[in-house]
Amino acid sequence: MEERSHSPDNAVARAQLALPDPGANLRSGVNSDALLDDLDRYDDCHFGSSGEQKVAKAWADLLSNVP
């Protein structure tokens, strides 16, 4: 039986998705679970080179568009 190290539906991810609150000026960050695919994680958990590049670009794009 294969055990996955990473699952997009986990307690931490659910808590992070529940945090954004415009009234408190809390905005969503980059959701790496939604952004990355299996090829972007070298051990089914940690980011590989392509995953690091995608997440870094997504954060740069997000932060450069902050009002």
PDB file of N, CA and C in Angstrom:
ATOM      1  N   MET A   1       0.837  -1.173   0.000  1.00  0.00           N
ATOM      2  CA  MET A   1       0.000   0.000   0.000  1.00  0.00           C
ATOM      3  C   MET A   1       0.884   1.239   0.000  1.00  0.00           C
ATOM      4  N   GLU A   2       0.675   2.123  -0.963  1.00  0.00           N
ATOM      5  CA  GLU A   2       1.477   3.339  -1.085  1.00  0.00           C
ATOM      6  C   GLU A   2       0.915   4.428  -0.173  1.00  0.00           C
ATOM      7  N   GLU A   3       1.798   5.057   0.590  1.00  0.00           N
ATOM      8  CA  GLU A   3       1.384   6.140   1.470  1.00  0.00           C
ATOM      9  C   GLU A   3       1.871   7.463   0.908  1.00  0.00           C
ATOM     10  N   ARG A   4       0.966   8.400   0.719  1.00  0.00           N
ATOM     11  CA  ARG A   4       1.327   9.722   0.194  1.00  0.00           C
ATOM     12  C   ARG A   4       1.784  10.597   1.339  1.00  0.00           C
ATOM     13  N   SER A   5       2.824  11.372   1.098  1.00  0.00           N
ATOM     14  CA  SER A   5       3.318  12.309   2.086  1.00  0.00           C
ATOM     15  C   SER A   5       2.508  13.591   2.066  1.00  0.00           C
ATOM     16  N   HIS A   6       1.962  13.923   0.922  1.00  0.00           N
ATOM     17  CA  HIS A   6       1.291  15.193   0.736  1.00  0.00           C
ATOM     18  C   HIS A   6      -0.143  14.965   0.288  1.00  0.00           C
ATOM     19  N   SER A   7      -1.032  15.739   0.853  1.00  0.00           N
ATOM     20  CA  SER A   7      -2.423  15.705   0.432  1.00  0.00           C
ATOM     21  C   SER A   7      -2.951  17.130   0.452  1.00  0.00           C
ATOM     22  N   PRO A   8      -3.546  17.605  -0.652  1.00  0.00           N
ATOM     23  CA  PRO A   8      -4.040  18.984  -0.669  1.00  0.00           C
ATOM     24  C   PRO A   8      -5.167  19.218   0.339  1.00  0.00           C
ATOM     25  N   ASP A   9      -5.900  18.179   0.695  1.00  0.00           N
ATOM     26  CA  ASP A   9      -6.978  18.311   1.669  1.00  0.00           C
ATOM     27  C   ASP A   9      -6.448  17.889   3.040  1.00  0.00           C
ATOM     28  N   ASN A  10      -5.867  18.848   3.752  1.00  0.00           N
ATOM     29  CA  ASN A  10      -5.328  18.566   5.076  1.00  0.00           C
ATOM     30  C   ASN A  10      -5.718  19.702   6.014  1.00  0.00           C
ATOM     31  N   ALA A  11      -5.554  19.488   7.295  1.00  0.00           N
ATOM     32  CA  ALA A  11      -6.007  20.459   8.297  1.00  0.00           C
ATOM     33  C   ALA A  11      -5.357  21.832   8.128  1.00  0.00           C
ATOM     34  N   VAL A  12      -4.078  21.863   7.817  1.00  0.00           N
ATOM     35  CA  VAL A  12      -3.381  23.149   7.661  1.00  0.00           C
ATOM     36  C   VAL A  12      -3.919  23.894   6.443  1.00  0.00           C
ATOM     37  N   ALA A  13      -4.083  23.195   5.330  1.00  0.00           N
ATOM     38  CA  ALA A  13      -4.607  23.827   4.115  1.00  0.00           C
ATOM     39  C   ALA A  13      -6.019  24.360   4.347  1.00  0.00           C
ATOM     40  N   ARG A  14      -6.855  23.580   5.018  1.00  0.00           N
ATOM     41  CA  ARG A  14      -8.218  24.038   5.298  1.00  0.00           C
ATOM     42  C   ARG A  14      -8.203  25.282   6.182  1.00  0.00           C
ATOM     43  N   ALA A  15      -7.339  25.321   7.165  1.00  0.00           N
ATOM     44  CA  ALA A  15      -7.242  26.494   8.047  1.00  0.00           C
ATOM     45  C   ALA A  15      -6.764  27.713   7.267  1.00  0.00           C
ATOM     46  N   GLN A  16      -5.775  27.536   6.399  1.00  0.00           N
ATOM     47  CA  GLN A  16      -5.266  28.659   5.608  1.00  0.00           C
ATOM     48  C   GLN A  16      -6.331  29.197   4.651  1.00  0.00           C
ATOM     49  N   LEU A  17      -7.105  28.313   4.061  1.00  0.00           N
ATOM     50  CA  LEU A  17      -8.151  28.746   3.136  1.00  0.00           C
ATOM     51  C   LEU A  17      -9.283  29.491   3.856  1.00  0.00           C
ATOM     52  N   ALA A  18      -9.431  29.244   5.149  1.00  0.00           N
ATOM     53  CA  ALA A  18     -10.480  29.908   5.924  1.00  0.00           C
ATOM     54  C   ALA A  18     -10.040  31.277   6.452  1.00  0.00           C
ATOM     55  N   LEU A  19      -8.761  31.626   6.349  1.00  0.00           N
ATOM     56  CA  LEU A  19      -8.237  32.862   6.932  1.00  0.00           C
ATOM     57  C   LEU A  19      -8.593  34.164   6.218  1.00  0.00           C
ATOM     58  N   PRO A  20      -8.627  34.217   4.898  1.00  0.00           N
ATOM     59  CA  PRO A  20      -8.859  35.510   4.245  1.00  0.00           C
ATOM     60  C   PRO A  20     -10.119  36.208   4.774  1.00  0.00           C
ATOM     61  N   ASP A  21      -9.929  37.500   5.097  1.00  0.00           N
ATOM     62  CA  ASP A  21     -11.011  38.315   5.651  1.00  0.00           C
ATOM     63  C   ASP A  21     -10.778  39.758   5.219  1.00  0.00           C
ATOM     64  N   PRO A  22     -11.487  40.212   4.188  1.00  0.00           N
ATOM     65  CA  PRO A  22     -11.276  41.581   3.706  1.00  0.00           C
ATOM     66  C   PRO A  22     -11.454  42.634   4.805  1.00  0.00           C
ATOM     67  N   GLY A  23     -12.365  42.396   5.739  1.00  0.00           N
ATOM     68  CA  GLY A  23     -12.591  43.349   6.819  1.00  0.00           C
ATOM     69  C   GLY A  23     -11.391  43.487   7.741  1.00  0.00           C
ATOM     70  N   ALA A  24     -10.601  42.451   7.853  1.00  0.00           N
ATOM     71  CA  ALA A  24      -9.401  42.469   8.684  1.00  0.00           C
ATOM     72  C   ALA A  24      -8.139  42.656   7.839  1.00  0.00           C
ATOM     73  N   ASN A  25      -8.316  42.940   6.544  1.00  0.00           N
ATOM     74  CA  ASN A  25      -7.213  43.120   5.602  1.00  0.00           C
ATOM     75  C   ASN A  25      -6.323  41.869   5.502  1.00  0.00           C
ATOM     76  N   LEU A  26      -6.939  40.707   5.600  1.00  0.00           N
ATOM     77  CA  LEU A  26      -6.226  39.438   5.418  1.00  0.00           C
ATOM     78  C   LEU A  26      -6.591  38.891   4.054  1.00  0.00           C
ATOM     79  N   ARG A  27      -5.597  38.779   3.184  1.00  0.00           N
ATOM     80  CA  ARG A  27      -5.820  38.302   1.821  1.00  0.00           C
ATOM     81  C   ARG A  27      -5.210  36.916   1.634  1.00  0.00           C
ATOM     82  N   SER A  28      -5.668  36.250   0.604  1.00  0.00           N
ATOM     83  CA  SER A  28      -5.130  34.936   0.263  1.00  0.00           C
ATOM     84  C   SER A  28      -3.712  35.072  -0.271  1.00  0.00           C
ATOM     85  N   GLY A  29      -2.901  34.098   0.062  1.00  0.00           N
ATOM     86  CA  GLY A  29      -1.564  34.015  -0.504  1.00  0.00           C
ATOM     87  C   GLY A  29      -1.571  33.021  -1.654  1.00  0.00           C
ATOM     88  N   VAL A  30      -0.433  32.471  -1.953  1.00  0.00           N
ATOM     89  CA  VAL A  30      -0.297  31.487  -3.021  1.00  0.00           C
ATOM     90  C   VAL A  30      -0.697  30.115  -2.479  1.00  0.00           C
ATOM     91  N   ASN A  31      -1.583  29.452  -3.176  1.00  0.00           N
ATOM     92  CA  ASN A  31      -1.989  28.103  -2.810  1.00  0.00           C
ATOM     93  C   ASN A  31      -1.134  27.128  -3.614  1.00  0.00           C
ATOM     94  N   SER A  32      -0.042  26.698  -3.028  1.00  0.00           N
ATOM     95  CA  SER A  32       0.872  25.808  -3.751  1.00  0.00           C
ATOM     96  C   SER A  32       0.231  24.458  -4.042  1.00  0.00           C
ATOM     97  N   ASP A  33      -0.729  24.033  -3.223  1.00  0.00           N
ATOM     98  CA  ASP A  33      -1.407  22.769  -3.494  1.00  0.00           C
ATOM     99  C   ASP A  33      -2.179  22.834  -4.810  1.00  0.00           C
ATOM    100  N   ALA A  34      -2.800  23.979  -5.085  1.00  0.00           N
ATOM    101  CA  ALA A  34      -3.548  24.145  -6.325  1.00  0.00           C
ATOM    102  C   ALA A  34      -2.626  24.438  -7.507  1.00  0.00           C
ATOM    103  N   LEU A  35      -1.506  25.082  -7.239  1.00  0.00           N
ATOM    104  CA  LEU A  35      -0.592  25.517  -8.298  1.00  0.00           C
ATOM    105  C   LEU A  35       0.274  24.382  -8.846  1.00  0.00           C
ATOM    106  N   LEU A  36       0.741  23.513  -7.977  1.00  0.00           N
ATOM    107  CA  LEU A  36       1.730  22.502  -8.370  1.00  0.00           C
ATOM    108  C   LEU A  36       1.086  21.171  -8.726  1.00  0.00           C
ATOM    109  N   ASP A  37       1.774  20.446  -9.608  1.00  0.00           N
ATOM    110  CA  ASP A  37       1.350  19.086  -9.907  1.00  0.00           C
ATOM    111  C   ASP A  37       2.403  18.110  -9.389  1.00  0.00           C
ATOM    112  N   ASP A  38       2.197  16.835  -9.626  1.00  0.00           N
ATOM    113  CA  ASP A  38       3.100  15.812  -9.081  1.00  0.00           C
ATOM    114  C   ASP A  38       4.547  15.989  -9.531  1.00  0.00           C
ATOM    115  N   LEU A  39       4.762  16.510 -10.733  1.00  0.00           N
ATOM    116  CA  LEU A  39       6.124  16.674 -11.237  1.00  0.00           C
ATOM    117  C   LEU A  39       6.871  17.804 -10.532  1.00  0.00           C
ATOM    118  N   ASP A  40       6.159  18.669  -9.826  1.00  0.00           N
ATOM    119  CA  ASP A  40       6.789  19.792  -9.126  1.00  0.00           C
ATOM    120  C   ASP A  40       7.221  19.441  -7.707  1.00  0.00           C
ATOM    121  N   ARG A  41       6.944  18.237  -7.281  1.00  0.00           N
ATOM    122  CA  ARG A  41       7.345  17.770  -5.943  1.00  0.00           C
ATOM    123  C   ARG A  41       8.243  16.556  -6.124  1.00  0.00           C
ATOM    124  N   TYR A  42       9.475  16.651  -5.682  1.00  0.00           N
ATOM    125  CA  TYR A  42      10.425  15.573  -5.968  1.00  0.00           C
ATOM    126  C   TYR A  42      10.185  14.322  -5.133  1.00  0.00           C
ATOM    127  N   ASP A  43       9.517  14.445  -3.993  1.00  0.00           N
ATOM    128  CA  ASP A  43       9.272  13.268  -3.155  1.00  0.00           C
ATOM    129  C   ASP A  43       7.808  13.151  -2.751  1.00  0.00           C
ATOM    130  N   ASP A  44       6.943  13.728  -3.570  1.00  0.00           N
ATOM    131  CA  ASP A  44       5.505  13.746  -3.321  1.00  0.00           C
ATOM    132  C   ASP A  44       5.137  14.636  -2.136  1.00  0.00           C
ATOM    133  N   CYS A  45       6.068  15.472  -1.708  1.00  0.00           N
ATOM    134  CA  CYS A  45       5.798  16.382  -0.596  1.00  0.00           C
ATOM    135  C   CYS A  45       6.525  17.706  -0.798  1.00  0.00           C
ATOM    136  N   HIS A  46       7.845  17.681  -0.829  1.00  0.00           N
ATOM    137  CA  HIS A  46       8.668  18.890  -0.905  1.00  0.00           C
ATOM    138  C   HIS A  46       8.805  19.382  -2.348  1.00  0.00           C
ATOM    139  N   PHE A  47       8.943  20.693  -2.486  1.00  0.00           N
ATOM    140  CA  PHE A  47       9.072  21.287  -3.818  1.00  0.00           C
ATOM    141  C   PHE A  47      10.371  20.874  -4.480  1.00  0.00           C
ATOM    142  N   GLY A  48      10.261  20.521  -5.739  1.00  0.00           N
ATOM    143  CA  GLY A  48      11.434  20.344  -6.575  1.00  0.00           C
ATOM    144  C   GLY A  48      11.759  21.696  -7.203  1.00  0.00           C
ATOM    145  N   SER A  49      12.733  21.727  -8.079  1.00  0.00           N
ATOM    146  CA  SER A  49      13.157  22.978  -8.713  1.00  0.00           C
ATOM    147  C   SER A  49      12.005  23.666  -9.443  1.00  0.00           C
ATOM    148  N   SER A  50      11.248  22.897 -10.230  1.00  0.00           N
ATOM    149  CA  SER A  50      10.140  23.505 -10.968  1.00  0.00           C
ATOM    150  C   SER A  50       9.073  24.032 -10.014  1.00  0.00           C
ATOM    151  N   GLY A  51       8.829  23.334  -8.910  1.00  0.00           N
ATOM    152  CA  GLY A  51       7.867  23.793  -7.919  1.00  0.00           C
ATOM    153  C   GLY A  51       8.321  25.074  -7.244  1.00  0.00           C
ATOM    154  N   GLU A  52       9.597  25.137  -6.899  1.00  0.00           N
ATOM    155  CA  GLU A  52      10.143  26.356  -6.289  1.00  0.00           C
ATOM    156  C   GLU A  52       9.983  27.545  -7.223  1.00  0.00           C
ATOM    157  N   GLN A  53      10.278  27.340  -8.492  1.00  0.00           N
ATOM    158  CA  GLN A  53      10.178  28.428  -9.462  1.00  0.00           C
ATOM    159  C   GLN A  53       8.734  28.890  -9.641  1.00  0.00           C
ATOM    160  N   LYS A  54       7.806  27.952  -9.718  1.00  0.00           N
ATOM    161  CA  LYS A  54       6.397  28.316  -9.886  1.00  0.00           C
ATOM    162  C   LYS A  54       5.878  29.092  -8.674  1.00  0.00           C
ATOM    163  N   VAL A  55       6.212  28.627  -7.468  1.00  0.00           N
ATOM    164  CA  VAL A  55       5.736  29.287  -6.247  1.00  0.00           C
ATOM    165  C   VAL A  55       6.375  30.668  -6.108  1.00  0.00           C
ATOM    166  N   ALA A  56       7.663  30.779  -6.374  1.00  0.00           N
ATOM    167  CA  ALA A  56       8.334  32.079  -6.284  1.00  0.00           C
ATOM    168  C   ALA A  56       7.722  33.073  -7.272  1.00  0.00           C
ATOM    169  N   LYS A  57       7.456  32.637  -8.491  1.00  0.00           N
ATOM    170  CA  LYS A  57       6.850  33.530  -9.482  1.00  0.00           C
ATOM    171  C   LYS A  57       5.443  33.929  -9.058  1.00  0.00           C
ATOM    172  N   ALA A  58       4.683  32.984  -8.539  1.00  0.00           N
ATOM    173  CA  ALA A  58       3.317  33.287  -8.106  1.00  0.00           C
ATOM    174  C   ALA A  58       3.326  34.310  -6.970  1.00  0.00           C
ATOM    175  N   TRP A  59       4.256  34.175  -6.008  1.00  0.00           N
ATOM    176  CA  TRP A  59       4.359  35.153  -4.918  1.00  0.00           C
ATOM    177  C   TRP A  59       4.795  36.508  -5.456  1.00  0.00           C
ATOM    178  N   ALA A  60       5.748  36.545  -6.359  1.00  0.00           N
ATOM    179  CA  ALA A  60       6.208  37.809  -6.935  1.00  0.00           C
ATOM    180  C   ALA A  60       5.068  38.494  -7.668  1.00  0.00           C
ATOM    181  N   ASP A  61       4.298  37.727  -8.444  1.00  0.00           N
ATOM    182  CA  ASP A  61       3.163  38.306  -9.164  1.00  0.00           C
ATOM    183  C   ASP A  61       2.119  38.833  -8.191  1.00  0.00           C
ATOM    184  N   LEU A  62       1.824  38.063  -7.171  1.00  0.00           N
ATOM    185  CA  LEU A  62       0.827  38.472  -6.185  1.00  0.00           C
ATOM    186  C   LEU A  62       1.249  39.741  -5.452  1.00  0.00           C
ATOM    187  N   LEU A  63       2.491  39.760  -4.993  1.00  0.00           N
ATOM    188  CA  LEU A  63       2.972  40.905  -4.202  1.00  0.00           C
ATOM    189  C   LEU A  63       3.178  42.153  -5.059  1.00  0.00           C
ATOM    190  N   SER A  64       3.457  41.984  -6.331  1.00  0.00           N
ATOM    191  CA  SER A  64       3.648  43.162  -7.179  1.00  0.00           C
ATOM    192  C   SER A  64       2.312  43.818  -7.543  1.00  0.00           C
ATOM    193  N   ASN A  65       1.198  43.117  -7.266  1.00  0.00           N
ATOM    194  CA  ASN A  65      -0.128  43.651  -7.563  1.00  0.00           C
ATOM    195  C   ASN A  65      -0.885  44.076  -6.315  1.00  0.00           C
ATOM    196  N   VAL A  66      -0.209  44.171  -5.179  1.00  0.00           N
ATOM    197  CA  VAL A  66      -0.862  44.604  -3.939  1.00  0.00           C
ATOM    198  C   VAL A  66      -1.081  46.095  -3.986  1.00  0.00           C
ATOM    199  N   PRO A  67      -2.315  46.546  -3.702  1.00  0.00           N
ATOM    200  CA  PRO A  67      -2.582  47.989  -3.747  1.00  0.00           C
ATOM    201  C   PRO A  67      -1.845  48.758  -2.657  1.00  0.00           C
TER     202      PRO A  67
END
